[in-house]
Each structure stands twice: as structure tokens, then as C-alpha cells.
Amino acid sequence: MISHGLKLIFKIPRPCVGLPNCPNTYSLPSGHTSVIFAVMTALGLHYKKKNVLILMLIFAGLVGISRIVLGVHTIEDVLAGFVIGLTVGFLIQKAYETHYKELKEILS
């Protein structure tokens, strides 16, 4: 939702506009990058192992790089998605840790 909202605010065209198979949405920030970094950050922090977090962030970074290589985003788009995803993933994991016992009681 954050990425989509920012796309509507900034309205930056994609670098591939006019080319075949170019998405018809705005560019900044990269939604794929923000989502993958949010998920991988939250999961990596949940497992509390530094090497797991590093591997997950490398995987997320490869997704971001793929967006640039495919020509559908610029480096700035991917960096903005990275910052948003990292922040959201961190906040989700901290909220989960804070309210884990409450969630466990509700779900059981």
C-alpha cells in the first residue's frame, strides 16, 4: 500500500515506456523490491540467525537487481523499494515480537 500510494504521489514514468511488455503503472518505488525486502527482513529477523538474515537479504537484493536488468525500474526506484521494505519488515517483526503472546492466545 505504501509503494502504491507513493507511485500515485510521484507519478514517475517507467524507464521502459513505449517498449513492448512495459507495465502501465508508475515507477517509483519498486513494488516488487519493497515487498520482497519486507518479507525477507521480517523472516530473517524472526529466525534470529545472522547468516539466515544475510541470505534472505541477498535474495531480496537479487530481486531488486532483476527489476533494473529487466528495464522496468531505475536504481532510484529499487533503492526506494529497499528502504521501504526494510523499514516495514523491521516494524512488522517488532510488532510481532511485542504482541506474540496475545496473538498466540487469540489464535488458539
Protein backbone atom coordinates (compact mmCIF):
# COMPACT_ATOMS: atom_id res chain seq x y z
CA MET A 1 0.00 0.00 0.00
CA ILE A 2 2.85 2.37 0.80
CA SER A 3 4.57 1.73 -2.53
CA HIS A 4 1.35 2.09 -4.48
CA GLY A 5 0.49 5.32 -2.69
CA LEU A 6 3.93 6.77 -3.40
CA LYS A 7 3.62 5.82 -7.07
CA LEU A 8 0.41 7.87 -7.24
CA ILE A 9 2.07 10.82 -5.48
CA PHE A 10 5.28 10.94 -7.53
CA LYS A 11 3.85 9.74 -10.88
CA ILE A 12 7.29 8.98 -12.31
CA PRO A 13 7.10 7.09 -15.63
CA ARG A 14 8.94 3.81 -16.03
CA PRO A 15 12.20 3.75 -17.99
CA CYS A 16 10.63 1.28 -20.45
CA VAL A 17 7.68 3.47 -21.52
CA GLY A 18 6.89 2.82 -25.18
CA LEU A 19 8.59 -0.56 -25.27
CA PRO A 20 6.71 -3.86 -25.60
CA ASN A 21 5.64 -5.53 -22.33
CA CYS A 22 6.26 -2.38 -20.29
CA PRO A 23 3.91 -2.22 -17.27
CA ASN A 24 1.47 0.67 -17.47
CA THR A 25 1.92 1.75 -13.84
CA TYR A 26 4.27 4.36 -12.42
CA SER A 27 7.86 3.57 -11.47
CA LEU A 28 8.91 4.98 -8.07
CA PRO A 29 9.20 2.97 -5.81
CA SER A 30 9.62 -0.62 -6.97
CA GLY A 31 6.73 -2.61 -5.51
CA HIS A 32 8.44 -5.96 -6.08
CA THR A 33 11.53 -4.75 -4.24
CA SER A 34 9.61 -3.29 -1.31
CA VAL A 35 7.52 -6.44 -0.84
CA ILE A 36 10.43 -8.90 -1.07
CA PHE A 37 12.57 -6.84 1.32
CA ALA A 38 9.70 -6.54 3.82
CA VAL A 39 9.08 -10.30 3.81
CA MET A 40 12.75 -11.32 3.88
CA THR A 41 13.60 -8.80 6.61
CA ALA A 42 10.73 -9.92 8.85
CA LEU A 43 11.52 -13.62 8.32
CA GLY A 44 15.26 -13.12 8.71
CA LEU A 45 14.81 -11.26 12.00
CA HIS A 46 12.32 -13.87 13.20
CA TYR A 47 14.87 -16.70 12.87
CA LYS A 48 17.41 -14.65 14.87
CA LYS A 49 20.37 -16.06 12.93
CA LYS A 50 22.63 -13.56 11.23
CA ASN A 51 23.52 -15.88 8.33
CA VAL A 52 19.83 -16.56 7.58
CA LEU A 53 19.08 -12.83 7.53
CA ILE A 54 22.05 -12.17 5.24
CA LEU A 55 20.98 -14.90 2.79
CA MET A 56 17.41 -13.60 2.72
CA LEU A 57 18.58 -10.04 2.11
CA ILE A 58 20.88 -11.23 -0.69
CA PHE A 59 17.92 -12.99 -2.30
CA ALA A 60 15.83 -9.82 -1.95
CA GLY A 61 18.68 -7.81 -3.47
CA LEU A 62 18.71 -10.11 -6.49
CA VAL A 63 15.01 -9.45 -6.99
CA GLY A 64 15.71 -5.72 -6.91
CA ILE A 65 18.57 -6.07 -9.38
CA SER A 66 16.32 -8.10 -11.69
CA ARG A 67 13.91 -5.15 -11.86
CA ILE A 68 16.74 -2.93 -13.15
CA VAL A 69 18.06 -5.57 -15.57
CA LEU A 70 14.57 -6.08 -16.99
CA GLY A 71 14.42 -2.33 -17.62
CA VAL A 72 11.20 -1.73 -15.69
CA HIS A 73 12.83 0.29 -12.87
CA THR A 74 15.75 2.60 -12.24
CA ILE A 75 18.30 2.29 -9.44
CA GLU A 76 16.42 5.01 -7.54
CA ASP A 77 13.16 3.04 -7.76
CA VAL A 78 14.84 -0.06 -6.37
CA LEU A 79 16.64 1.85 -3.60
CA ALA A 80 13.35 3.44 -2.53
CA GLY A 81 11.73 -0.02 -2.51
CA PHE A 82 14.66 -1.33 -0.46
CA VAL A 83 14.28 1.38 2.19
CA ILE A 84 10.51 0.95 2.39
CA GLY A 85 10.74 -2.84 2.53
CA LEU A 86 13.49 -2.91 5.14
CA THR A 87 11.59 -0.46 7.33
CA VAL A 88 8.23 -2.22 7.02
CA GLY A 89 9.80 -5.66 7.58
CA PHE A 90 11.57 -4.43 10.70
CA LEU A 91 8.39 -2.82 12.07
CA ILE A 92 6.30 -5.93 11.35
CA GLN A 93 8.78 -8.18 13.15
CA LYS A 94 8.99 -5.85 16.16
CA ALA A 95 5.18 -5.66 16.35
CA TYR A 96 5.00 -9.45 16.15
CA GLU A 97 7.54 -9.87 18.96
CA THR A 98 5.72 -7.31 21.10
CA HIS A 99 2.30 -8.93 20.68
CA TYR A 100 3.29 -12.61 20.22
CA LYS A 101 1.62 -13.87 23.42
CA GLU A 102 -1.59 -12.00 22.63
CA LEU A 103 -1.65 -13.42 19.09
CA LYS A 104 -0.99 -16.92 20.38
CA GLU A 105 -3.95 -16.70 22.78
CA ILE A 106 -6.28 -15.31 20.11
CA LEU A 107 -5.34 -17.99 17.59
CA SER A 108 -5.60 -20.92 20.00
